[in-house]
Amino acid sequence: MKHTSFSTEFDLAELVNLPRLKTTFVRALDLDLVSATSAQAITALLAPGRRRVFFMNAHCCNVRRRDRAYAEAVAAADMLLPDGIGVEIAAKMSGVQLAENLNGTDFVPALLEQAARMGKSVFLFGGKPGTADAAAIKLVHAIPGLRIAGTRDGYAGAADTDAVIDDINESGADIVLVALGVPMQEIWLHRNAHRLDAPLTLAVGALFDFLAGSVSRAPEFVRKARMEWGWRLAQEPRRLAKRYLAGNLTFLAHAAKTVVMQGGFAAFQRRFLDVTVSATALVLLSPLLLTTAVAIRLDSRGPVLFRQTRVGRAGTHFTMFKFRSMSTDAETRRAALLETSDRNGMCFKSRNDPRVTRVGRIIRRLSIDELPQILNVLRGEMSIVGPRPALPSEVAAYPKRAMGRLAVKPGITGVWQVSGRANIDFDHMVEMDISYAVSRTLLLDIVLIFKTFGAVVSGRGAY
């Protein structure tokens, strides 16, 4: 049978050199969640040592608030992985950006792929009779070399806890997947994981049902749109309506309330301003955005949007969007033009940059090239108001004081942008940004937004 892959191939040498696994405190949830890519998390989980791992989604957080035994289990877990768009939104309410959504249905098969390469075995415990067996068969066909140490259902097979533990230990499994449903699976592991020989245990919810084909996954485009919950709701409306409709609303309301009660009201206000202004701008400016895109395509070869890695709050990297205003070979020609910079300091800016296209000069003069950053604001990577987002190479050369610019999210506009932009040298820009970071208020942000219109009309420093 042809083997299929759940994830991209991992290079062991690269995995060894991956950054150390990070966790981030999400104030809206009062939880420390892993903030890492799938590859980073997999490497950490399969490293030597014992770990008990749970996935946290909106439903889990709702259950945690009302179930003390489950809350104790969550508090004692070694790692909590963020699962779903609800948790991502709650993190953004708290002013943090999680590195990746690590939902169990995608993450666990990828974990098992790497485990198979390392010669590790897995035990599947839970689900209706026959479900774990069917899931095991699918995994063996999909992941070359994966060793199934054993299976046991979550009904009659779970009745005798001592027998379950003996069965798992006798199997010699390195990894144990427990699929008893929330909160039973987490509570079971909390009470019994210390009796298991396996170093890695995970609570995996409905994973066996998905693997066995008992529950179908949403099409790829639905998953990419982060709407798989809607697909599941359509499949089982009676069972899941309370969880996904009332539950999600309750979750978001509680997360927002927590942020406000814990002193994050200013951050909540600022995020509300960001989302409101950017969403409104996206709608109102859609004709201009479309016209600009067409003009760029007619003027020069290459993509409409320019994507570039920038450094955000606390040094987090993200992909910034702009309308392309330069030729497609602009990055390769940059080094040769550094000496022509019209600006003092490390940030390159040239008034007569030969890389700029005809349309590019117009959209730069009117600051239209910056408008796609509205998407970065909606994604929580930028704010409407904040320091200019810097390149990684610029941050690497920052003097110590300049690192203060990274204390807040970068913005589309800000003090520097309304005060002359490229006419201001680097040192003065740093002082402006640090002063803003220290003294910013919602009123100041609103004032800077209105002053931006005047700066755009005057065009001072825009080239």
Protein backbone atom coordinates (compact mmCIF):
# COMPACT_ATOMS: atom_id res chain seq x y z
CA MET A 1 0.00 0.00 0.00
CA LYS A 2 1.24 3.48 -0.82
CA HIS A 3 2.39 5.42 2.22
CA THR A 4 1.08 8.93 2.79
CA SER A 5 2.71 11.55 4.96
CA PHE A 6 1.04 13.63 7.64
CA SER A 7 3.70 16.34 7.58
CA THR A 8 6.81 17.57 5.86
CA GLU A 9 10.07 15.66 6.39
CA PHE A 10 12.20 16.62 9.38
CA ASP A 11 15.96 16.93 9.09
CA LEU A 12 17.51 15.57 12.31
CA ALA A 13 20.51 17.89 12.09
CA GLU A 14 18.22 20.89 11.82
CA LEU A 15 16.06 19.69 14.70
CA VAL A 16 19.05 19.52 17.03
CA ASN A 17 19.79 23.19 16.33
CA LEU A 18 16.25 24.46 16.78
CA PRO A 19 15.69 27.20 19.40
CA ARG A 20 14.77 26.16 22.92
CA LEU A 21 11.06 25.61 23.45
CA LYS A 22 9.33 28.73 24.73
CA THR A 23 6.19 29.19 26.78
CA THR A 24 4.10 32.34 26.94
CA PHE A 25 1.77 33.43 29.73
CA VAL A 26 -1.65 34.25 28.31
CA ARG A 27 -3.26 36.62 30.78
CA ALA A 28 -6.77 36.16 29.38
CA LEU A 29 -6.60 32.44 30.16
CA ASP A 30 -4.29 32.53 33.20
CA LEU A 31 -2.22 29.82 31.50
CA ASP A 32 1.33 29.27 30.32
CA LEU A 33 1.09 27.93 26.76
CA VAL A 34 3.81 26.64 24.49
CA SER A 35 4.71 29.22 21.84
CA ALA A 36 6.69 27.26 19.27
CA THR A 37 6.49 25.74 15.83
CA SER A 38 5.42 22.11 15.41
CA ALA A 39 9.01 21.06 14.70
CA GLN A 40 10.30 22.79 17.83
CA ALA A 41 7.58 21.27 20.02
CA ILE A 42 8.11 17.78 18.59
CA THR A 43 11.84 17.97 19.24
CA ALA A 44 11.24 19.02 22.84
CA LEU A 45 8.63 16.32 23.49
CA LEU A 46 10.82 13.52 22.14
CA ALA A 47 13.95 14.63 23.99
CA PRO A 48 15.03 12.59 27.04
CA GLY A 49 12.83 13.12 30.12
CA ARG A 50 9.26 12.53 31.29
CA ARG A 51 6.47 14.77 30.01
CA ARG A 52 2.70 14.89 30.35
CA VAL A 53 1.14 16.98 27.60
CA PHE A 54 -2.36 18.41 27.18
CA PHE A 55 -3.96 20.43 24.37
CA MET A 56 -5.91 23.53 25.39
CA ASN A 57 -8.78 24.84 23.28
CA ALA A 58 -11.78 27.06 24.08
CA HIS A 59 -13.84 24.09 25.33
CA CYS A 60 -11.00 22.94 27.60
CA CYS A 61 -10.75 26.42 29.12
CA ASN A 62 -14.51 26.49 29.78
CA VAL A 63 -14.35 23.08 31.49
CA ARG A 64 -11.32 24.18 33.52
CA ARG A 65 -13.29 27.02 35.11
CA ARG A 66 -16.01 24.74 36.48
CA ASP A 67 -14.21 21.42 37.10
CA ARG A 68 -11.71 21.55 39.99
CA ALA A 69 -10.23 18.10 39.31
CA TYR A 70 -9.59 19.02 35.69
CA ALA A 71 -8.09 22.38 36.70
CA GLU A 72 -5.69 20.56 39.03
CA ALA A 73 -4.71 18.19 36.22
CA VAL A 74 -4.04 21.11 33.87
CA ALA A 75 -1.96 22.91 36.50
CA ALA A 76 0.20 19.81 36.96
CA ALA A 77 0.83 19.16 33.24
CA ASP A 78 4.35 19.60 31.92
CA MET A 79 3.29 21.24 28.66
CA LEU A 80 0.08 22.89 27.44
CA LEU A 81 -0.22 23.20 23.67
CA PRO A 82 -2.49 25.89 22.13
CA ASP A 83 -5.28 24.39 20.02
CA GLY A 84 -7.71 26.44 17.95
CA ILE A 85 -8.52 29.95 16.89
CA GLY A 86 -10.26 30.78 20.18
CA VAL A 87 -7.05 30.39 22.18
CA GLU A 88 -5.20 32.42 19.53
CA ILE A 89 -7.72 35.26 19.88
CA ALA A 90 -7.45 35.15 23.68
CA ALA A 91 -3.67 35.39 23.38
CA LYS A 92 -3.99 38.45 21.16
CA MET A 93 -6.37 40.01 23.70
CA SER A 94 -3.50 39.57 26.16
CA GLY A 95 -1.07 41.27 23.79
CA VAL A 96 0.89 38.15 22.85
CA GLN A 97 1.30 36.28 19.56
CA LEU A 98 1.55 32.50 19.78
CA ALA A 99 4.02 31.00 17.32
CA GLU A 100 1.65 28.35 15.93
CA ASN A 101 -1.68 26.61 16.40
CA LEU A 102 -0.69 23.11 17.58
CA ASN A 103 -3.98 21.26 17.21
CA GLY A 104 -3.73 17.61 18.11
CA THR A 105 -5.25 16.21 14.92
CA ASP A 106 -2.33 17.55 12.87
CA PHE A 107 0.34 17.67 15.55
CA VAL A 108 0.20 14.11 16.93
CA PRO A 109 0.63 12.32 13.56
CA ALA A 110 3.62 14.59 12.85
CA LEU A 111 5.00 13.73 16.30
CA LEU A 112 4.59 10.02 15.55
CA GLU A 113 6.40 10.39 12.22
CA GLN A 114 9.45 11.68 14.05
CA ALA A 115 9.03 9.07 16.79
CA ALA A 116 9.06 6.33 14.14
CA ARG A 117 12.37 7.62 12.78
CA MET A 118 13.76 7.41 16.30
CA GLY A 119 12.53 3.82 16.75
CA LYS A 120 9.94 4.70 19.40
CA SER A 121 6.64 2.85 19.91
CA VAL A 122 3.16 4.11 20.79
CA PHE A 123 0.19 2.73 22.77
CA LEU A 124 -3.35 3.87 21.90
CA PHE A 125 -5.77 3.93 24.84
CA GLY A 126 -9.36 5.15 24.49
CA GLY A 127 -12.24 5.51 22.08
CA LYS A 128 -15.14 3.17 21.40
CA PRO A 129 -14.40 -0.54 21.01
CA GLY A 130 -12.53 -1.05 17.73
CA THR A 131 -11.71 2.63 17.21
CA ALA A 132 -8.17 2.48 18.64
CA ASP A 133 -7.47 -0.64 16.55
CA ALA A 134 -8.71 1.06 13.37
CA ALA A 135 -6.67 4.18 14.18
CA ALA A 136 -3.58 2.03 14.74
CA ILE A 137 -4.00 0.36 11.34
CA LYS A 138 -4.27 3.75 9.62
CA LEU A 139 -1.19 5.03 11.42
CA VAL A 140 0.90 1.99 10.46
CA HIS A 141 -0.02 2.41 6.80
CA ALA A 142 0.58 6.16 6.86
CA ILE A 143 3.83 6.27 8.85
CA PRO A 144 6.60 3.90 7.69
CA GLY A 145 8.36 2.19 10.58
CA LEU A 146 5.89 3.20 13.30
CA ARG A 147 5.62 0.53 16.00
CA ILE A 148 2.24 0.10 17.70
CA ALA A 149 2.95 -1.28 21.16
CA GLY A 150 -0.72 -1.97 21.87
CA THR A 151 -4.30 -0.69 21.92
CA ARG A 152 -7.12 -0.65 24.45
CA ASP A 153 -10.60 0.84 24.21
CA GLY A 154 -11.97 3.46 26.57
CA TYR A 155 -15.11 1.58 27.62
CA ALA A 156 -14.82 -1.97 29.03
CA GLY A 157 -11.09 -1.71 28.35
CA ALA A 158 -10.81 1.19 30.78
CA ALA A 159 -12.86 -0.30 33.62
CA ASP A 160 -9.87 -1.74 35.52
CA THR A 161 -7.24 0.98 35.93
CA ASP A 162 -4.62 -1.40 37.32
CA ALA A 163 -5.07 -3.71 34.33
CA VAL A 164 -4.74 -0.76 31.93
CA ILE A 165 -1.49 0.36 33.53
CA ASP A 166 -0.08 -3.18 33.57
CA ASP A 167 -1.00 -3.64 29.91
CA ILE A 168 0.69 -0.38 28.88
CA ASN A 169 3.84 -1.06 30.91
CA GLU A 170 4.17 -4.62 29.64
CA SER A 171 3.94 -3.32 26.06
CA GLY A 172 7.13 -1.30 26.53
CA ALA A 173 5.55 1.74 24.85
CA ASP A 174 7.57 4.97 24.69
CA ILE A 175 4.51 7.14 24.01
CA VAL A 176 0.97 6.74 25.36
CA LEU A 177 -1.98 8.48 23.68
CA VAL A 178 -5.06 8.71 25.91
CA ALA A 179 -8.37 9.44 24.20
CA LEU A 180 -11.05 9.39 26.89
CA GLY A 181 -12.45 12.86 26.18
CA VAL A 182 -12.13 16.10 28.15
CA PRO A 183 -11.87 16.16 31.16
CA MET A 184 -11.66 12.41 31.86
CA GLN A 185 -8.45 11.83 29.89
CA GLU A 186 -6.51 14.62 31.62
CA ILE A 187 -7.75 13.58 35.07
CA TRP A 188 -6.82 9.94 34.33
CA LEU A 189 -3.29 10.94 33.36
CA HIS A 190 -2.96 13.27 36.34
CA ARG A 191 -3.77 10.39 38.66
CA ASN A 192 -1.93 7.61 36.86
CA ALA A 193 0.88 8.92 34.62
CA HIS A 194 3.43 8.50 37.42
CA ARG A 195 2.68 4.75 37.34
CA LEU A 196 3.40 4.47 33.63
CA ASP A 197 6.87 3.62 32.37
CA ALA A 198 6.37 5.56 29.12
CA PRO A 199 8.20 8.92 29.30
CA LEU A 200 5.71 10.76 27.08
CA THR A 201 1.95 10.80 27.64
CA LEU A 202 -0.58 12.92 25.76
CA ALA A 203 -4.32 13.52 26.10
CA VAL A 204 -5.60 13.53 22.52
CA GLY A 205 -9.40 13.89 22.60
CA ALA A 206 -11.16 12.73 19.43
CA LEU A 207 -7.94 11.96 17.52
CA PHE A 208 -8.67 8.23 17.21
CA ASP A 209 -12.07 8.99 15.67
CA PHE A 210 -10.44 11.17 13.02
CA LEU A 211 -7.71 8.63 12.29
CA ALA A 212 -10.16 5.72 12.11
CA GLY A 213 -12.46 7.68 9.80
CA SER A 214 -15.38 7.67 12.25
CA VAL A 215 -15.42 11.47 12.03
CA SER A 216 -14.40 13.18 8.79
CA ARG A 217 -12.07 16.16 8.78
CA ALA A 218 -12.94 19.41 7.07
CA PRO A 219 -11.57 20.08 3.57
CA GLU A 220 -8.16 21.72 3.44
CA PHE A 221 -9.50 25.17 2.53
CA VAL A 222 -11.86 25.10 5.53
CA ARG A 223 -8.97 24.18 7.84
CA LYS A 224 -6.81 26.97 6.42
CA ALA A 225 -9.65 29.41 7.08
CA ARG A 226 -9.60 28.23 10.72
CA MET A 227 -13.23 27.15 10.44
CA GLU A 228 -12.98 23.41 11.13
CA TRP A 229 -15.15 23.90 14.20
CA GLY A 230 -17.93 25.08 11.86
CA TRP A 231 -17.51 21.91 9.79
CA ARG A 232 -17.83 19.72 12.89
CA LEU A 233 -20.84 21.72 14.07
CA ALA A 234 -22.56 21.11 10.72
CA GLN A 235 -21.89 17.38 11.07
CA GLU A 236 -23.20 17.05 14.63
CA PRO A 237 -25.35 20.11 15.36
CA ARG A 238 -27.27 18.62 18.27
CA ARG A 239 -24.23 17.39 20.16
CA LEU A 240 -21.91 20.30 19.42
CA ALA A 241 -24.20 23.37 19.29
CA LYS A 242 -23.79 24.11 23.00
CA ARG A 243 -20.03 23.61 22.85
CA TYR A 244 -19.26 25.59 19.69
CA LEU A 245 -21.89 28.34 19.77
CA ALA A 246 -22.71 29.13 23.39
CA GLY A 247 -19.37 27.75 24.55
CA ASN A 248 -17.24 29.85 22.22
CA LEU A 249 -19.13 33.04 23.06
CA THR A 250 -18.78 32.30 26.77
CA PHE A 251 -15.08 31.63 26.32
CA LEU A 252 -14.40 34.90 24.48
CA ALA A 253 -16.49 36.94 26.93
CA HIS A 254 -14.64 35.45 29.90
CA ALA A 255 -11.25 36.01 28.24
CA ALA A 256 -12.08 39.67 27.58
CA LYS A 257 -13.35 40.12 31.14
CA THR A 258 -10.18 38.55 32.54
CA VAL A 259 -7.97 40.91 30.56
CA VAL A 260 -9.91 43.92 31.83
CA MET A 261 -10.03 42.73 35.45
CA GLN A 262 -6.29 42.00 35.51
CA GLY A 263 -5.34 45.50 34.50
CA GLY A 264 -5.19 44.95 30.79
CA PHE A 265 -7.98 47.36 29.94
CA ALA A 266 -5.65 49.73 28.11
CA ALA A 267 -4.32 46.86 25.99
CA PHE A 268 -7.88 45.70 25.32
CA GLN A 269 -8.89 49.22 24.26
CA ARG A 270 -5.87 49.49 21.98
CA ARG A 271 -6.60 46.13 20.35
CA PHE A 272 -10.24 47.13 19.90
CA LEU A 273 -9.06 50.34 18.21
CA ASP A 274 -6.68 48.38 15.98
CA VAL A 275 -9.31 45.90 14.85
CA THR A 276 -12.02 48.54 14.36
CA VAL A 277 -9.84 50.96 12.38
CA SER A 278 -8.15 48.30 10.25
CA ALA A 279 -11.35 46.41 9.44
CA THR A 280 -13.13 49.65 8.51
CA ALA A 281 -10.16 50.78 6.40
CA LEU A 282 -10.06 47.45 4.60
CA VAL A 283 -13.68 47.86 3.53
CA LEU A 284 -13.57 51.58 2.67
CA LEU A 285 -10.23 51.40 0.84
CA SER A 286 -10.97 48.22 -1.11
CA PRO A 287 -11.44 50.13 -4.44
CA LEU A 288 -8.09 51.87 -3.95
CA LEU A 289 -6.41 48.60 -2.99
CA LEU A 290 -7.75 46.89 -6.09
CA THR A 291 -6.76 49.78 -8.38
CA THR A 292 -3.25 49.83 -6.93
CA ALA A 293 -2.87 46.08 -7.42
CA VAL A 294 -3.87 46.37 -11.08
CA ALA A 295 -1.50 49.31 -11.63
CA ILE A 296 1.43 47.41 -10.16
CA ARG A 297 0.78 44.38 -12.38
CA LEU A 298 0.56 46.57 -15.50
CA ASP A 299 3.67 48.59 -14.64
CA SER A 300 6.23 45.86 -13.95
CA ARG A 301 6.70 42.14 -13.73
CA GLY A 302 6.43 40.48 -10.34
CA PRO A 303 3.98 39.96 -7.48
CA VAL A 304 1.62 42.68 -6.31
CA LEU A 305 2.53 42.24 -2.66
CA PHE A 306 6.02 42.44 -1.22
CA ARG A 307 6.62 40.16 1.77
CA GLN A 308 9.51 40.75 4.12
CA THR A 309 10.54 39.44 7.53
CA ARG A 310 10.40 42.15 10.17
CA VAL A 311 10.91 42.24 13.93
CA GLY A 312 7.92 42.85 16.14
CA ARG A 313 7.27 43.21 19.85
CA ALA A 314 9.82 41.47 22.11
CA GLY A 315 11.90 40.47 19.09
CA THR A 316 9.28 38.21 17.50
CA HIS A 317 9.71 37.83 13.74
CA PHE A 318 6.73 38.14 11.41
CA THR A 319 6.04 38.56 7.69
CA MET A 320 5.13 42.14 6.83
CA PHE A 321 3.04 42.97 3.76
CA LYS A 322 3.43 45.98 1.46
CA PHE A 323 2.48 46.80 -2.08
CA ARG A 324 5.54 46.12 -4.20
CA SER A 325 7.11 49.46 -5.13
CA MET A 326 10.46 48.16 -6.38
CA SER A 327 11.81 45.85 -9.04
CA THR A 328 11.84 42.15 -8.16
CA ASP A 329 15.65 42.13 -7.75
CA ALA A 330 15.58 44.95 -5.18
CA GLU A 331 16.91 42.88 -2.29
CA THR A 332 19.95 41.62 -4.22
CA ARG A 333 20.82 45.19 -5.29
CA ARG A 334 20.43 46.68 -1.79
CA ALA A 335 24.00 46.10 -0.61
CA ALA A 336 25.44 47.96 -3.59
CA LEU A 337 23.30 51.01 -2.78
CA LEU A 338 23.98 51.36 0.95
CA GLU A 339 26.49 54.19 0.42
CA THR A 340 23.84 56.27 -1.38
CA SER A 341 21.60 56.43 1.72
CA ASP A 342 20.23 59.92 2.38
CA ARG A 343 19.63 59.06 6.03
CA ASN A 344 22.10 59.07 8.92
CA GLY A 345 22.32 55.82 10.86
CA MET A 346 21.82 52.16 10.07
CA CYS A 347 18.38 52.31 8.40
CA PHE A 348 18.88 52.63 4.64
CA LYS A 349 16.76 55.16 2.70
CA SER A 350 17.58 56.73 -0.69
CA ARG A 351 15.63 59.56 -2.29
CA ASN A 352 16.72 58.50 -5.79
CA ASP A 353 16.67 54.76 -5.32
CA PRO A 354 16.93 53.25 -8.85
CA ARG A 355 15.07 50.13 -7.75
CA VAL A 356 11.77 51.99 -7.33
CA THR A 357 9.26 51.51 -10.18
CA ARG A 358 7.14 54.25 -11.76
CA VAL A 359 4.01 53.22 -9.90
CA GLY A 360 6.18 52.64 -6.84
CA ARG A 361 7.17 56.31 -6.69
CA ILE A 362 3.52 57.37 -6.70
CA ILE A 363 2.31 54.92 -4.06
CA ARG A 364 5.31 55.72 -1.85
CA ARG A 365 4.66 59.44 -2.13
CA LEU A 366 1.05 58.86 -1.02
CA SER A 367 1.98 56.08 1.47
CA ILE A 368 -0.35 53.70 -0.35
CA ASP A 369 2.39 51.07 -0.34
CA GLU A 370 1.92 50.67 3.42
CA LEU A 371 -1.80 49.85 3.28
CA PRO A 372 -1.48 46.03 3.08
CA GLN A 373 -0.09 46.20 6.61
CA ILE A 374 -3.75 46.43 7.60
CA LEU A 375 -3.59 42.62 7.32
CA ASN A 376 -0.71 42.54 9.80
CA VAL A 377 -2.81 44.59 12.22
CA LEU A 378 -5.78 42.24 11.91
CA ARG A 379 -3.43 39.31 12.52
CA GLY A 380 -2.17 40.97 15.71
CA GLU A 381 1.43 41.34 14.51
CA MET A 382 1.27 45.12 14.25
CA SER A 383 -0.79 48.00 15.61
CA ILE A 384 -2.21 51.00 13.80
CA VAL A 385 0.17 53.15 15.88
CA GLY A 386 3.68 52.13 16.86
CA PRO A 387 7.36 52.26 15.91
CA ARG A 388 8.43 51.45 12.37
CA PRO A 389 8.95 47.65 12.07
CA ALA A 390 12.68 46.97 11.71
CA LEU A 391 14.58 44.42 9.65
CA PRO A 392 16.32 41.57 11.54
CA SER A 393 19.68 42.85 10.24
CA GLU A 394 18.94 46.29 11.68
CA VAL A 395 17.95 44.89 15.09
CA ALA A 396 21.12 42.77 15.15
CA ALA A 397 23.14 46.01 14.90
CA TYR A 398 21.04 47.98 17.43
CA PRO A 399 22.82 49.68 20.33
CA LYS A 400 21.37 48.66 23.69
CA ARG A 401 19.10 51.71 24.01
CA ALA A 402 17.48 51.10 20.64
CA MET A 403 16.16 47.75 21.86
CA GLY A 404 13.54 49.77 23.76
CA ARG A 405 11.72 50.19 20.43
CA LEU A 406 10.75 46.51 20.68
CA ALA A 407 8.78 47.00 23.91
CA VAL A 408 5.59 47.62 21.92
CA LYS A 409 4.11 46.35 18.67
CA PRO A 410 5.34 48.09 15.52
CA GLY A 411 2.80 50.27 13.76
CA ILE A 412 1.65 51.49 10.37
CA THR A 413 1.93 55.03 11.65
CA GLY A 414 3.51 56.66 14.68
CA VAL A 415 5.48 59.60 16.02
CA TRP A 416 8.31 59.11 13.51
CA GLN A 417 5.92 58.69 10.59
CA VAL A 418 4.06 61.96 11.28
CA SER A 419 7.23 63.95 12.09
CA GLY A 420 9.14 63.72 8.84
CA ARG A 421 9.80 60.01 8.28
CA ALA A 422 12.98 59.53 6.23
CA ASN A 423 14.13 63.10 6.98
CA ILE A 424 14.73 62.04 10.61
CA ASP A 425 17.95 60.19 11.40
CA PHE A 426 18.10 56.90 13.26
CA ASP A 427 19.10 58.26 16.68
CA HIS A 428 16.22 60.75 16.74
CA MET A 429 13.81 58.05 15.56
CA VAL A 430 14.91 55.82 18.46
CA GLU A 431 14.30 58.59 21.01
CA MET A 432 10.86 59.29 19.53
CA ASP A 433 9.89 55.61 19.66
CA ILE A 434 11.13 55.06 23.20
CA SER A 435 9.27 58.14 24.40
CA TYR A 436 6.12 56.81 22.75
CA ALA A 437 6.55 53.34 24.29
CA VAL A 438 6.87 54.85 27.77
CA SER A 439 4.06 57.40 27.58
CA ARG A 440 1.56 56.02 25.06
CA THR A 441 -2.15 56.34 25.76
CA LEU A 442 -5.26 55.64 23.74
CA LEU A 443 -5.77 59.40 23.26
CA LEU A 444 -2.22 59.77 21.93
CA ASP A 445 -2.85 56.96 19.45
CA ILE A 446 -6.01 58.64 18.21
CA VAL A 447 -4.19 61.97 17.81
CA LEU A 448 -1.40 60.30 15.83
CA ILE A 449 -3.93 58.55 13.57
CA PHE A 450 -5.50 61.92 12.67
CA LYS A 451 -2.09 63.56 12.21
CA THR A 452 -1.20 60.79 9.76
CA PHE A 453 -3.65 62.21 7.22
CA GLY A 454 -1.76 65.51 7.25
CA ALA A 455 1.57 63.73 6.91
CA VAL A 456 0.28 61.78 3.90
CA VAL A 457 -0.99 64.95 2.20
CA SER A 458 2.27 66.83 2.78
CA GLY A 459 4.39 63.86 1.69
CA ARG A 460 7.26 65.08 3.89
CA GLY A 461 9.96 62.42 4.12
CA ALA A 462 8.06 59.96 1.92
CA TYR A 463 10.30 58.48 -0.77
